[in-house]
Amino acid sequence: MKDFTARNLDQHIEEVAMKNSSLALLAHGDGIEVLKQVIKGDVISYIEPFSGGELLEFFFVVEGKLMCKRNDEEIILETGDYFYAYNLKENVELRTFEDTVLLYVTSKPIFSSLSKEIKELKEIVVHVEEKDNYTHGHGKRVRDFAYAVGKMLKLSEEQMEKLLMGAFFHDIGKVHVPEEILKKPGKLTSEEFEYIKQHPEKGAQMVKGTSLEYILDIILQHHERIDGSGYPQGLKGNEILLEAQIIGIVDSFDAMTSKRPYRDAMSWEDALRELKSLSGIKYDSHLISVFEKCIQIGLISKKKFNHKKQ
């Protein structure tokens, strides 16, 4: 670490994005962290007691407006105000009235713990792909395909965040599937396929209670199909989250165009033709049209997304 650093507030060492907020590490040393926290408007969050020893948390309102509520006391804070907690015994509720930026100083490595949690989950995704060499890079390709579709649909910033994180982590539950099933060169038995079908639920359970809990339902639903033929819940139509429907399409496309132990990779043209044959049946017809347009105009192209041949 340098003995002197000067940056503006938009520069940071590392950032973790969540459903309604983001946390960026600005500086750290001797156990102390200086962070920038951005919380969206009309969001309720909490400062909670810390069980790992003494903890001081200091918050300065850089911009925005929020309310701190503890028991029956409500305090309104605006730009230039501050609040802090030391060895907190009870939850303090925070509610933002508008998008709010806080300078957050903590005497314990809070960010490091959060960053470590997400890093460990990402490592699990990599491990899943290493268990099955034929899906190497699958999560990143699905994420990038989904990004193109989301941009074409003009999804909100919040929807894009959920879509991209859901896409990257959609198969995390496959870490519980034995390698011999993932790598089986022939057709799966009905019992083996039932094992595979558990991975959306397993993945949802894995992110529950973590900073990625906000994508739990996307992971759970990415194999649902609009005619109710999907799994694990047999949801239909708009019962399936939009983000999960998008991931379902691009996940299927990447699977079809990837080489497997029991078959060669399909061409992009044949895979797209297969998806279009199921448009309005298993996949939303508008989303299929948007996906096709992404390919036609080059947002998704073979040059950008060259599969690793094995």
C-alpha atoms as a PDB file:
ATOM      1  CA  MET A   1       0.000   0.000   0.000  1.00  0.00           C
ATOM      2  CA  LYS A   2       1.323   3.502  -0.894  1.00  0.00           C
ATOM      3  CA  ASP A   3       2.047   5.982   1.902  1.00  0.00           C
ATOM      4  CA  PHE A   4      -0.034   8.631   0.097  1.00  0.00           C
ATOM      5  CA  THR A   5      -2.873   8.348  -2.422  1.00  0.00           C
ATOM      6  CA  ALA A   6      -5.250  10.957  -3.868  1.00  0.00           C
ATOM      7  CA  ARG A   7      -8.359  10.006  -5.832  1.00  0.00           C
ATOM      8  CA  ASN A   8     -11.863  11.295  -6.498  1.00  0.00           C
ATOM      9  CA  LEU A   9     -14.882   9.650  -4.853  1.00  0.00           C
ATOM     10  CA  ASP A  10     -15.777   7.684  -7.996  1.00  0.00           C
ATOM     11  CA  GLN A  11     -12.483   5.779  -7.876  1.00  0.00           C
ATOM     12  CA  HIS A  12     -12.143   2.741  -5.655  1.00  0.00           C
ATOM     13  CA  ILE A  13     -10.045  -0.347  -4.979  1.00  0.00           C
ATOM     14  CA  GLU A  14     -12.909  -2.833  -5.296  1.00  0.00           C
ATOM     15  CA  GLU A  15     -16.708  -2.734  -5.412  1.00  0.00           C
ATOM     16  CA  VAL A  16     -19.503  -5.116  -4.489  1.00  0.00           C
ATOM     17  CA  ALA A  17     -22.955  -4.487  -6.016  1.00  0.00           C
ATOM     18  CA  MET A  18     -26.121  -5.719  -4.358  1.00  0.00           C
ATOM     19  CA  LYS A  19     -29.831  -5.456  -5.091  1.00  0.00           C
ATOM     20  CA  ASN A  20     -30.483  -1.947  -3.788  1.00  0.00           C
ATOM     21  CA  SER A  21     -27.018  -0.733  -2.907  1.00  0.00           C
ATOM     22  CA  SER A  22     -23.328  -0.895  -3.659  1.00  0.00           C
ATOM     23  CA  LEU A  23     -20.275  -0.804  -1.438  1.00  0.00           C
ATOM     24  CA  ALA A  24     -16.904   0.397  -2.708  1.00  0.00           C
ATOM     25  CA  LEU A  25     -13.623   0.064  -0.827  1.00  0.00           C
ATOM     26  CA  LEU A  26     -11.747   3.404  -0.917  1.00  0.00           C
ATOM     27  CA  ALA A  27      -8.939   2.722   1.564  1.00  0.00           C
ATOM     28  CA  HIS A  28      -7.936   0.208   4.214  1.00  0.00           C
ATOM     29  CA  GLY A  29      -5.179  -0.397   6.731  1.00  0.00           C
ATOM     30  CA  ASP A  30      -4.626  -1.653  10.283  1.00  0.00           C
ATOM     31  CA  GLY A  31      -8.093  -3.287  10.232  1.00  0.00           C
ATOM     32  CA  ILE A  32      -9.849   0.001   9.334  1.00  0.00           C
ATOM     33  CA  GLU A  33     -11.840   0.332   6.110  1.00  0.00           C
ATOM     34  CA  VAL A  34     -13.045   3.518   4.400  1.00  0.00           C
ATOM     35  CA  LEU A  35     -15.973   2.799   2.094  1.00  0.00           C
ATOM     36  CA  LYS A  36     -18.449   4.526  -0.167  1.00  0.00           C
ATOM     37  CA  GLN A  37     -21.962   3.145   0.186  1.00  0.00           C
ATOM     38  CA  VAL A  38     -24.657   4.035  -2.337  1.00  0.00           C
ATOM     39  CA  ILE A  39     -28.243   3.174  -1.365  1.00  0.00           C
ATOM     40  CA  LYS A  40     -31.195   3.611  -3.715  1.00  0.00           C
ATOM     41  CA  GLY A  41     -34.149   5.746  -2.722  1.00  0.00           C
ATOM     42  CA  ASP A  42     -37.043   4.355  -0.662  1.00  0.00           C
ATOM     43  CA  VAL A  43     -35.006   1.425   0.628  1.00  0.00           C
ATOM     44  CA  ILE A  44     -35.106   0.098   4.193  1.00  0.00           C
ATOM     45  CA  SER A  45     -31.863  -1.366   5.555  1.00  0.00           C
ATOM     46  CA  TYR A  46     -30.356  -1.968   8.978  1.00  0.00           C
ATOM     47  CA  ILE A  47     -27.202  -1.424  10.981  1.00  0.00           C
ATOM     48  CA  GLU A  48     -26.951  -4.595  13.029  1.00  0.00           C
ATOM     49  CA  PRO A  49     -25.066  -5.572  16.204  1.00  0.00           C
ATOM     50  CA  PHE A  50     -21.649  -7.101  15.532  1.00  0.00           C
ATOM     51  CA  SER A  51     -20.710 -10.305  17.347  1.00  0.00           C
ATOM     52  CA  GLY A  52     -17.005 -10.299  16.483  1.00  0.00           C
ATOM     53  CA  GLY A  53     -15.786  -7.893  19.181  1.00  0.00           C
ATOM     54  CA  GLU A  54     -15.747  -4.096  19.397  1.00  0.00           C
ATOM     55  CA  LEU A  55     -16.890  -2.241  16.284  1.00  0.00           C
ATOM     56  CA  LEU A  56     -17.156   1.444  15.420  1.00  0.00           C
ATOM     57  CA  GLU A  57     -19.126   2.367  12.286  1.00  0.00           C
ATOM     58  CA  PHE A  58     -19.162   6.004  11.167  1.00  0.00           C
ATOM     59  CA  PHE A  59     -21.384   7.302   8.336  1.00  0.00           C
ATOM     60  CA  PHE A  60     -21.171  10.739   6.693  1.00  0.00           C
ATOM     61  CA  VAL A  61     -23.965  11.755   4.295  1.00  0.00           C
ATOM     62  CA  VAL A  62     -22.213  12.894   1.107  1.00  0.00           C
ATOM     63  CA  GLU A  63     -25.514  13.405  -0.683  1.00  0.00           C
ATOM     64  CA  GLY A  64     -29.133  12.387  -0.267  1.00  0.00           C
ATOM     65  CA  LYS A  65     -31.605  12.151   2.585  1.00  0.00           C
ATOM     66  CA  LEU A  66     -32.433   9.345   4.976  1.00  0.00           C
ATOM     67  CA  MET A  67     -34.052   8.562   8.308  1.00  0.00           C
ATOM     68  CA  CYS A  68     -32.477   6.661  11.212  1.00  0.00           C
ATOM     69  CA  LYS A  69     -35.010   4.913  13.438  1.00  0.00           C
ATOM     70  CA  ARG A  70     -34.290   3.237  16.744  1.00  0.00           C
ATOM     71  CA  ASN A  71     -37.156   2.218  19.014  1.00  0.00           C
ATOM     72  CA  ASP A  72     -39.533   5.230  18.796  1.00  0.00           C
ATOM     73  CA  GLU A  73     -36.878   7.807  17.888  1.00  0.00           C
ATOM     74  CA  GLU A  74     -36.674   8.978  14.277  1.00  0.00           C
ATOM     75  CA  ILE A  75     -33.852  11.237  13.052  1.00  0.00           C
ATOM     76  CA  ILE A  76     -33.791  12.813   9.586  1.00  0.00           C
ATOM     77  CA  LEU A  77     -30.316  13.302   8.107  1.00  0.00           C
ATOM     78  CA  GLU A  78     -29.300  15.167   4.952  1.00  0.00           C
ATOM     79  CA  THR A  79     -26.132  16.101   3.060  1.00  0.00           C
ATOM     80  CA  GLY A  80     -23.390  17.086   5.510  1.00  0.00           C
ATOM     81  CA  ASP A  81     -24.867  15.219   8.486  1.00  0.00           C
ATOM     82  CA  TYR A  82     -23.394  12.095  10.058  1.00  0.00           C
ATOM     83  CA  PHE A  83     -24.189   9.232  12.432  1.00  0.00           C
ATOM     84  CA  TYR A  84     -22.192   6.453  14.031  1.00  0.00           C
ATOM     85  CA  ALA A  85     -22.623   3.267  16.030  1.00  0.00           C
ATOM     86  CA  TYR A  86     -20.255   1.798  18.593  1.00  0.00           C
ATOM     87  CA  ASN A  87     -20.775  -1.701  19.997  1.00  0.00           C
ATOM     88  CA  LEU A  88     -24.416  -1.589  18.923  1.00  0.00           C
ATOM     89  CA  LYS A  89     -26.815  -3.674  21.022  1.00  0.00           C
ATOM     90  CA  GLU A  90     -29.978  -3.387  18.887  1.00  0.00           C
ATOM     91  CA  ASN A  91     -30.774  -2.923  15.204  1.00  0.00           C
ATOM     92  CA  VAL A  92     -31.009   0.613  13.834  1.00  0.00           C
ATOM     93  CA  GLU A  93     -33.346   0.996  10.853  1.00  0.00           C
ATOM     94  CA  LEU A  94     -32.310   3.207   7.944  1.00  0.00           C
ATOM     95  CA  ARG A  95     -34.740   4.423   5.294  1.00  0.00           C
ATOM     96  CA  THR A  96     -33.611   6.476   2.314  1.00  0.00           C
ATOM     97  CA  PHE A  97     -35.952   9.108   0.862  1.00  0.00           C
ATOM     98  CA  GLU A  98     -33.831   9.444  -2.286  1.00  0.00           C
ATOM     99  CA  ASP A  99     -30.660   7.959  -3.734  1.00  0.00           C
ATOM    100  CA  THR A 100     -28.097   8.442  -0.984  1.00  0.00           C
ATOM    101  CA  VAL A 101     -24.286   8.337  -0.909  1.00  0.00           C
ATOM    102  CA  LEU A 102     -22.550   7.656   2.405  1.00  0.00           C
ATOM    103  CA  LEU A 103     -18.899   7.793   3.373  1.00  0.00           C
ATOM    104  CA  TYR A 104     -18.630   4.776   5.669  1.00  0.00           C
ATOM    105  CA  VAL A 105     -15.681   4.177   8.016  1.00  0.00           C
ATOM    106  CA  THR A 106     -15.496   0.917   9.964  1.00  0.00           C
ATOM    107  CA  SER A 107     -12.966  -0.330  12.498  1.00  0.00           C
ATOM    108  CA  LYS A 108     -13.321  -3.939  11.303  1.00  0.00           C
ATOM    109  CA  PRO A 109     -12.847  -5.381   7.776  1.00  0.00           C
ATOM    110  CA  ILE A 110     -16.564  -5.524   6.888  1.00  0.00           C
ATOM    111  CA  PHE A 111     -16.013  -5.119   3.142  1.00  0.00           C
ATOM    112  CA  SER A 112     -13.355  -7.818   3.094  1.00  0.00           C
ATOM    113  CA  SER A 113     -15.820 -10.321   4.556  1.00  0.00           C
ATOM    114  CA  LEU A 114     -18.488  -9.426   1.997  1.00  0.00           C
ATOM    115  CA  SER A 115     -16.031  -9.520  -0.901  1.00  0.00           C
ATOM    116  CA  LYS A 116     -14.671 -12.870   0.332  1.00  0.00           C
ATOM    117  CA  GLU A 117     -18.196 -14.338   0.361  1.00  0.00           C
ATOM    118  CA  ILE A 118     -18.825 -13.435  -3.290  1.00  0.00           C
ATOM    119  CA  LYS A 119     -15.324 -14.563  -4.281  1.00  0.00           C
ATOM    120  CA  GLU A 120     -15.967 -17.971  -2.710  1.00  0.00           C
ATOM    121  CA  LEU A 121     -19.243 -18.327  -4.627  1.00  0.00           C
ATOM    122  CA  LYS A 122     -17.480 -17.376  -7.876  1.00  0.00           C
ATOM    123  CA  GLU A 123     -14.834 -20.013  -7.164  1.00  0.00           C
ATOM    124  CA  ILE A 124     -17.616 -22.591  -6.848  1.00  0.00           C
ATOM    125  CA  VAL A 125     -18.867 -21.644 -10.337  1.00  0.00           C
ATOM    126  CA  VAL A 126     -15.353 -22.108 -11.714  1.00  0.00           C
ATOM    127  CA  HIS A 127     -15.122 -25.456  -9.899  1.00  0.00           C
ATOM    128  CA  VAL A 128     -18.414 -26.585 -11.474  1.00  0.00           C
ATOM    129  CA  GLU A 129     -17.055 -25.794 -14.940  1.00  0.00           C
ATOM    130  CA  GLU A 130     -13.792 -27.579 -14.166  1.00  0.00           C
ATOM    131  CA  LYS A 131     -15.759 -30.684 -13.157  1.00  0.00           C
ATOM    132  CA  ASP A 132     -17.250 -30.648 -16.636  1.00  0.00           C
ATOM    133  CA  ASN A 133     -14.619 -29.472 -19.142  1.00  0.00           C
ATOM    134  CA  TYR A 134     -17.229 -29.254 -21.865  1.00  0.00           C
ATOM    135  CA  THR A 135     -18.908 -26.306 -20.123  1.00  0.00           C
ATOM    136  CA  HIS A 136     -15.700 -24.315 -19.565  1.00  0.00           C
ATOM    137  CA  GLY A 137     -16.586 -20.599 -19.660  1.00  0.00           C
ATOM    138  CA  HIS A 138     -20.323 -21.359 -19.825  1.00  0.00           C
ATOM    139  CA  GLY A 139     -21.264 -18.947 -17.026  1.00  0.00           C
ATOM    140  CA  LYS A 140     -19.414 -16.031 -18.607  1.00  0.00           C
ATOM    141  CA  ARG A 141     -20.866 -16.701 -22.062  1.00  0.00           C
ATOM    142  CA  VAL A 142     -24.404 -16.932 -20.691  1.00  0.00           C
ATOM    143  CA  ARG A 143     -23.810 -13.677 -18.806  1.00  0.00           C
ATOM    144  CA  ASP A 144     -22.531 -11.931 -21.948  1.00  0.00           C
ATOM    145  CA  PHE A 145     -25.355 -13.261 -24.136  1.00  0.00           C
ATOM    146  CA  ALA A 146     -27.851 -12.106 -21.492  1.00  0.00           C
ATOM    147  CA  TYR A 147     -26.204  -8.672 -21.383  1.00  0.00           C
ATOM    148  CA  ALA A 148     -26.817  -8.175 -25.113  1.00  0.00           C
ATOM    149  CA  VAL A 149     -30.480  -9.182 -24.792  1.00  0.00           C
ATOM    150  CA  GLY A 150     -30.968  -6.983 -21.705  1.00  0.00           C
ATOM    151  CA  LYS A 151     -29.479  -3.974 -23.490  1.00  0.00           C
ATOM    152  CA  MET A 152     -31.711  -4.549 -26.500  1.00  0.00           C
ATOM    153  CA  LEU A 153     -34.726  -4.665 -24.166  1.00  0.00           C
ATOM    154  CA  LYS A 154     -33.545  -1.451 -22.436  1.00  0.00           C
ATOM    155  CA  LEU A 155     -33.786  -3.047 -19.003  1.00  0.00           C
ATOM    156  CA  SER A 156     -33.304  -0.816 -15.972  1.00  0.00           C
ATOM    157  CA  GLU A 157     -29.973  -0.680 -14.170  1.00  0.00           C
ATOM    158  CA  GLU A 158     -31.411  -2.796 -11.346  1.00  0.00           C
ATOM    159  CA  GLN A 159     -32.781  -5.418 -13.754  1.00  0.00           C
ATOM    160  CA  MET A 160     -29.450  -5.579 -15.600  1.00  0.00           C
ATOM    161  CA  GLU A 161     -27.596  -6.142 -12.340  1.00  0.00           C
ATOM    162  CA  LYS A 162     -29.920  -9.008 -11.391  1.00  0.00           C
ATOM    163  CA  LEU A 163     -29.787 -10.445 -14.919  1.00  0.00           C
ATOM    164  CA  LEU A 164     -25.979 -10.479 -15.128  1.00  0.00           C
ATOM    165  CA  MET A 165     -25.415 -11.857 -11.633  1.00  0.00           C
ATOM    166  CA  GLY A 166     -28.169 -14.439 -12.111  1.00  0.00           C
ATOM    167  CA  ALA A 167     -26.679 -15.482 -15.444  1.00  0.00           C
ATOM    168  CA  PHE A 168     -23.186 -15.926 -14.039  1.00  0.00           C
ATOM    169  CA  PHE A 169     -24.325 -17.913 -11.002  1.00  0.00           C
ATOM    170  CA  HIS A 170     -27.274 -19.812 -12.573  1.00  0.00           C
ATOM    171  CA  ASP A 171     -25.559 -23.226 -12.490  1.00  0.00           C
ATOM    172  CA  ILE A 172     -23.839 -22.909  -9.107  1.00  0.00           C
ATOM    173  CA  GLY A 173     -26.007 -25.736  -7.722  1.00  0.00           C
ATOM    174  CA  LYS A 174     -24.288 -28.200 -10.062  1.00  0.00           C
ATOM    175  CA  VAL A 175     -21.422 -28.332  -7.565  1.00  0.00           C
ATOM    176  CA  HIS A 176     -23.581 -30.954  -5.814  1.00  0.00           C
ATOM    177  CA  VAL A 177     -23.903 -33.134  -8.946  1.00  0.00           C
ATOM    178  CA  PRO A 178     -21.389 -36.013  -9.083  1.00  0.00           C
ATOM    179  CA  GLU A 179     -18.730 -35.701 -11.796  1.00  0.00           C
ATOM    180  CA  GLU A 180     -19.644 -39.079 -13.264  1.00  0.00           C
ATOM    181  CA  ILE A 181     -23.104 -37.721 -14.088  1.00  0.00           C
ATOM    182  CA  LEU A 182     -21.842 -34.393 -15.472  1.00  0.00           C
ATOM    183  CA  LYS A 183     -19.234 -36.161 -17.617  1.00  0.00           C
ATOM    184  CA  LYS A 184     -21.296 -39.185 -18.625  1.00  0.00           C
ATOM    185  CA  PRO A 185     -20.650 -39.817 -22.344  1.00  0.00           C
ATOM    186  CA  GLY A 186     -24.050 -41.372 -23.004  1.00  0.00           C
ATOM    187  CA  LYS A 187     -27.679 -40.527 -22.356  1.00  0.00           C
ATOM    188  CA  LEU A 188     -28.617 -40.003 -18.720  1.00  0.00           C
ATOM    189  CA  THR A 189     -30.958 -42.436 -17.003  1.00  0.00           C
ATOM    190  CA  SER A 190     -34.175 -41.023 -15.565  1.00  0.00           C
ATOM    191  CA  GLU A 191     -32.646 -41.257 -12.080  1.00  0.00           C
ATOM    192  CA  GLU A 192     -29.531 -39.369 -13.179  1.00  0.00           C
ATOM    193  CA  PHE A 193     -31.615 -36.681 -14.866  1.00  0.00           C
ATOM    194  CA  GLU A 194     -33.646 -36.240 -11.681  1.00  0.00           C
ATOM    195  CA  TYR A 195     -30.318 -35.600  -9.934  1.00  0.00           C
ATOM    196  CA  ILE A 196     -29.444 -32.919 -12.522  1.00  0.00           C
ATOM    197  CA  LYS A 197     -32.883 -31.329 -12.098  1.00  0.00           C
ATOM    198  CA  GLN A 198     -32.121 -30.591  -8.454  1.00  0.00           C
ATOM    199  CA  HIS A 199     -29.428 -28.026  -9.278  1.00  0.00           C
ATOM    200  CA  PRO A 200     -31.704 -24.935  -9.475  1.00  0.00           C
ATOM    201  CA  GLU A 201     -33.013 -25.609  -5.962  1.00  0.00           C
ATOM    202  CA  LYS A 202     -29.541 -26.450  -4.668  1.00  0.00           C
ATOM    203  CA  GLY A 203     -28.185 -23.221  -6.163  1.00  0.00           C
ATOM    204  CA  ALA A 204     -30.999 -21.160  -4.658  1.00  0.00           C
ATOM    205  CA  GLN A 205     -30.242 -22.662  -1.247  1.00  0.00           C
ATOM    206  CA  MET A 206     -26.549 -21.797  -1.649  1.00  0.00           C
ATOM    207  CA  VAL A 207     -27.161 -18.058  -2.111  1.00  0.00           C
ATOM    208  CA  LYS A 208     -29.850 -17.822   0.564  1.00  0.00           C
ATOM    209  CA  GLY A 209     -28.650 -15.671   3.433  1.00  0.00           C
ATOM    210  CA  THR A 210     -25.732 -14.274   1.391  1.00  0.00           C
ATOM    211  CA  SER A 211     -25.295 -10.939  -0.367  1.00  0.00           C
ATOM    212  CA  LEU A 212     -26.502 -12.709  -3.535  1.00  0.00           C
ATOM    213  CA  GLU A 213     -29.885 -13.678  -2.096  1.00  0.00           C
ATOM    214  CA  TYR A 214     -31.543 -11.146  -4.405  1.00  0.00           C
ATOM    215  CA  ILE A 215     -30.887 -13.490  -7.380  1.00  0.00           C
ATOM    216  CA  LEU A 216     -32.225 -16.569  -5.566  1.00  0.00           C
ATOM    217  CA  ASP A 217     -35.471 -16.749  -7.595  1.00  0.00           C
ATOM    218  CA  ILE A 218     -33.627 -16.267 -10.894  1.00  0.00           C
ATOM    219  CA  ILE A 219     -31.360 -19.223 -10.125  1.00  0.00           C
ATOM    220  CA  LEU A 220     -34.391 -21.241  -9.034  1.00  0.00           C
ATOM    221  CA  GLN A 221     -36.383 -20.477 -12.208  1.00  0.00           C
ATOM    222  CA  HIS A 222     -33.832 -20.600 -15.033  1.00  0.00           C
ATOM    223  CA  HIS A 223     -35.086 -24.019 -16.217  1.00  0.00           C
ATOM    224  CA  GLU A 224     -38.774 -23.090 -16.101  1.00  0.00           C
ATOM    225  CA  ARG A 225     -40.559 -22.892 -19.463  1.00  0.00           C
ATOM    226  CA  ILE A 226     -43.623 -20.831 -20.382  1.00  0.00           C
ATOM    227  CA  ASP A 227     -45.757 -23.916 -21.172  1.00  0.00           C
ATOM    228  CA  GLY A 228     -45.187 -25.309 -17.671  1.00  0.00           C
ATOM    229  CA  SER A 229     -42.903 -28.106 -18.867  1.00  0.00           C
ATOM    230  CA  GLY A 230     -39.845 -26.817 -17.001  1.00  0.00           C
ATOM    231  CA  TYR A 231     -38.553 -27.498 -13.504  1.00  0.00           C
ATOM    232  CA  PRO A 232     -38.465 -27.434 -10.518  1.00  0.00           C
ATOM    233  CA  GLN A 233     -41.848 -25.709 -10.002  1.00  0.00           C
ATOM    234  CA  GLY A 234     -43.551 -26.097 -13.382  1.00  0.00           C
ATOM    235  CA  LEU A 235     -44.224 -22.355 -13.627  1.00  0.00           C
ATOM    236  CA  LYS A 236     -45.989 -20.932 -16.688  1.00  0.00           C
ATOM    237  CA  GLY A 237     -45.833 -17.699 -18.686  1.00  0.00           C
ATOM    238  CA  ASN A 238     -45.424 -14.554 -16.622  1.00  0.00           C
ATOM    239  CA  GLU A 239     -45.095 -16.602 -13.437  1.00  0.00           C
ATOM    240  CA  ILE A 240     -41.452 -16.870 -14.536  1.00  0.00           C
ATOM    241  CA  LEU A 241     -39.262 -13.838 -13.888  1.00  0.00           C
ATOM    242  CA  LEU A 242     -38.179 -11.984 -17.031  1.00  0.00           C
ATOM    243  CA  GLU A 243     -34.517 -12.371 -16.067  1.00  0.00           C
ATOM    244  CA  ALA A 244     -34.965 -16.144 -15.674  1.00  0.00           C
ATOM    245  CA  GLN A 245     -36.708 -16.362 -19.071  1.00  0.00           C
ATOM    246  CA  ILE A 246     -33.815 -14.557 -20.767  1.00  0.00           C
ATOM    247  CA  ILE A 247     -31.265 -16.801 -19.072  1.00  0.00           C
ATOM    248  CA  GLY A 248     -33.304 -19.861 -20.054  1.00  0.00           C
ATOM    249  CA  ILE A 249     -32.987 -18.917 -23.723  1.00  0.00           C
ATOM    250  CA  VAL A 250     -29.290 -18.007 -23.793  1.00  0.00           C
ATOM    251  CA  ASP A 251     -28.395 -20.945 -21.537  1.00  0.00           C
ATOM    252  CA  SER A 252     -30.098 -23.338 -23.975  1.00  0.00           C
ATOM    253  CA  PHE A 253     -28.355 -21.723 -26.932  1.00  0.00           C
ATOM    254  CA  ASP A 254     -24.917 -22.009 -25.341  1.00  0.00           C
ATOM    255  CA  ALA A 255     -25.597 -25.615 -24.347  1.00  0.00           C
ATOM    256  CA  MET A 256     -26.622 -26.528 -27.893  1.00  0.00           C
ATOM    257  CA  THR A 257     -23.590 -24.837 -29.464  1.00  0.00           C
ATOM    258  CA  SER A 258     -21.101 -26.397 -27.020  1.00  0.00           C
ATOM    259  CA  LYS A 259     -19.504 -29.785 -27.664  1.00  0.00           C
ATOM    260  CA  ARG A 260     -20.656 -32.469 -25.250  1.00  0.00           C
ATOM    261  CA  PRO A 261     -19.252 -35.957 -24.497  1.00  0.00           C
ATOM    262  CA  TYR A 262     -22.227 -37.549 -26.261  1.00  0.00           C
ATOM    263  CA  ARG A 263     -22.611 -35.184 -29.253  1.00  0.00           C
ATOM    264  CA  ASP A 264     -20.873 -32.552 -31.344  1.00  0.00           C
ATOM    265  CA  ALA A 265     -21.712 -28.880 -31.010  1.00  0.00           C
ATOM    266  CA  MET A 266     -24.621 -27.645 -33.111  1.00  0.00           C
ATOM    267  CA  SER A 267     -24.003 -24.794 -35.525  1.00  0.00           C
ATOM    268  CA  TRP A 268     -25.309 -21.388 -34.481  1.00  0.00           C
ATOM    269  CA  GLU A 269     -27.762 -21.510 -37.359  1.00  0.00           C
ATOM    270  CA  ASP A 270     -29.185 -24.894 -36.314  1.00  0.00           C
ATOM    271  CA  ALA A 271     -29.343 -23.879 -32.641  1.00  0.00           C
ATOM    272  CA  LEU A 272     -31.210 -20.679 -33.482  1.00  0.00           C
ATOM    273  CA  ARG A 273     -33.562 -22.646 -35.727  1.00  0.00           C
ATOM    274  CA  GLU A 274     -34.240 -25.039 -32.819  1.00  0.00           C
ATOM    275  CA  LEU A 275     -35.013 -22.161 -30.461  1.00  0.00           C
ATOM    276  CA  LYS A 276     -37.332 -20.525 -33.000  1.00  0.00           C
ATOM    277  CA  SER A 277     -39.232 -23.797 -33.412  1.00  0.00           C
ATOM    278  CA  LEU A 278     -40.053 -23.574 -29.702  1.00  0.00           C
ATOM    279  CA  SER A 279     -40.923 -19.860 -29.790  1.00  0.00           C
ATOM    280  CA  GLY A 280     -44.279 -19.279 -28.124  1.00  0.00           C
ATOM    281  CA  ILE A 281     -44.221 -22.844 -26.790  1.00  0.00           C
ATOM    282  CA  LYS A 282     -41.336 -23.160 -24.350  1.00  0.00           C
ATOM    283  CA  TYR A 283     -39.821 -19.705 -24.833  1.00  0.00           C
ATOM    284  CA  ASP A 284     -41.408 -16.260 -25.038  1.00  0.00           C
ATOM    285  CA  SER A 285     -41.703 -15.328 -28.725  1.00  0.00           C
ATOM    286  CA  HIS A 286     -40.700 -11.685 -28.205  1.00  0.00           C
ATOM    287  CA  LEU A 287     -37.566 -12.675 -26.307  1.00  0.00           C
ATOM    288  CA  ILE A 288     -36.621 -15.148 -29.036  1.00  0.00           C
ATOM    289  CA  SER A 289     -37.034 -12.367 -31.630  1.00  0.00           C
ATOM    290  CA  VAL A 290     -34.838 -10.029 -29.572  1.00  0.00           C
ATOM    291  CA  PHE A 291     -32.193 -12.740 -29.194  1.00  0.00           C
ATOM    292  CA  GLU A 292     -32.236 -13.373 -32.965  1.00  0.00           C
ATOM    293  CA  LYS A 293     -31.859  -9.638 -33.624  1.00  0.00           C
ATOM    294  CA  CYS A 294     -28.849  -9.512 -31.287  1.00  0.00           C
ATOM    295  CA  ILE A 295     -27.188 -12.114 -33.506  1.00  0.00           C
ATOM    296  CA  GLN A 296     -28.256 -10.419 -36.750  1.00  0.00           C
ATOM    297  CA  ILE A 297     -26.790  -7.029 -35.812  1.00  0.00           C
ATOM    298  CA  GLY A 298     -23.632  -8.504 -34.269  1.00  0.00           C
ATOM    299  CA  LEU A 299     -24.216  -7.844 -30.565  1.00  0.00           C
ATOM    300  CA  ILE A 300     -23.805 -11.600 -30.241  1.00  0.00           C
ATOM    301  CA  SER A 301     -21.363 -13.033 -32.770  1.00  0.00           C
ATOM    302  CA  LYS A 302     -19.184 -16.101 -33.255  1.00  0.00           C
ATOM    303  CA  LYS A 303     -16.124 -13.868 -33.312  1.00  0.00           C
ATOM    304  CA  LYS A 304     -16.921 -12.432 -29.874  1.00  0.00           C
ATOM    305  CA  PHE A 305     -18.028 -15.705 -28.333  1.00  0.00           C
ATOM    306  CA  ASN A 306     -15.770 -18.364 -29.797  1.00  0.00           C
ATOM    307  CA  HIS A 307     -16.373 -21.686 -28.004  1.00  0.00           C
ATOM    308  CA  LYS A 308     -13.386 -23.634 -26.814  1.00  0.00           C
ATOM    309  CA  LYS A 309     -13.230 -26.691 -29.046  1.00  0.00           C
ATOM    310  CA  GLN A 310     -12.484 -29.980 -27.275  1.00  0.00           C
END
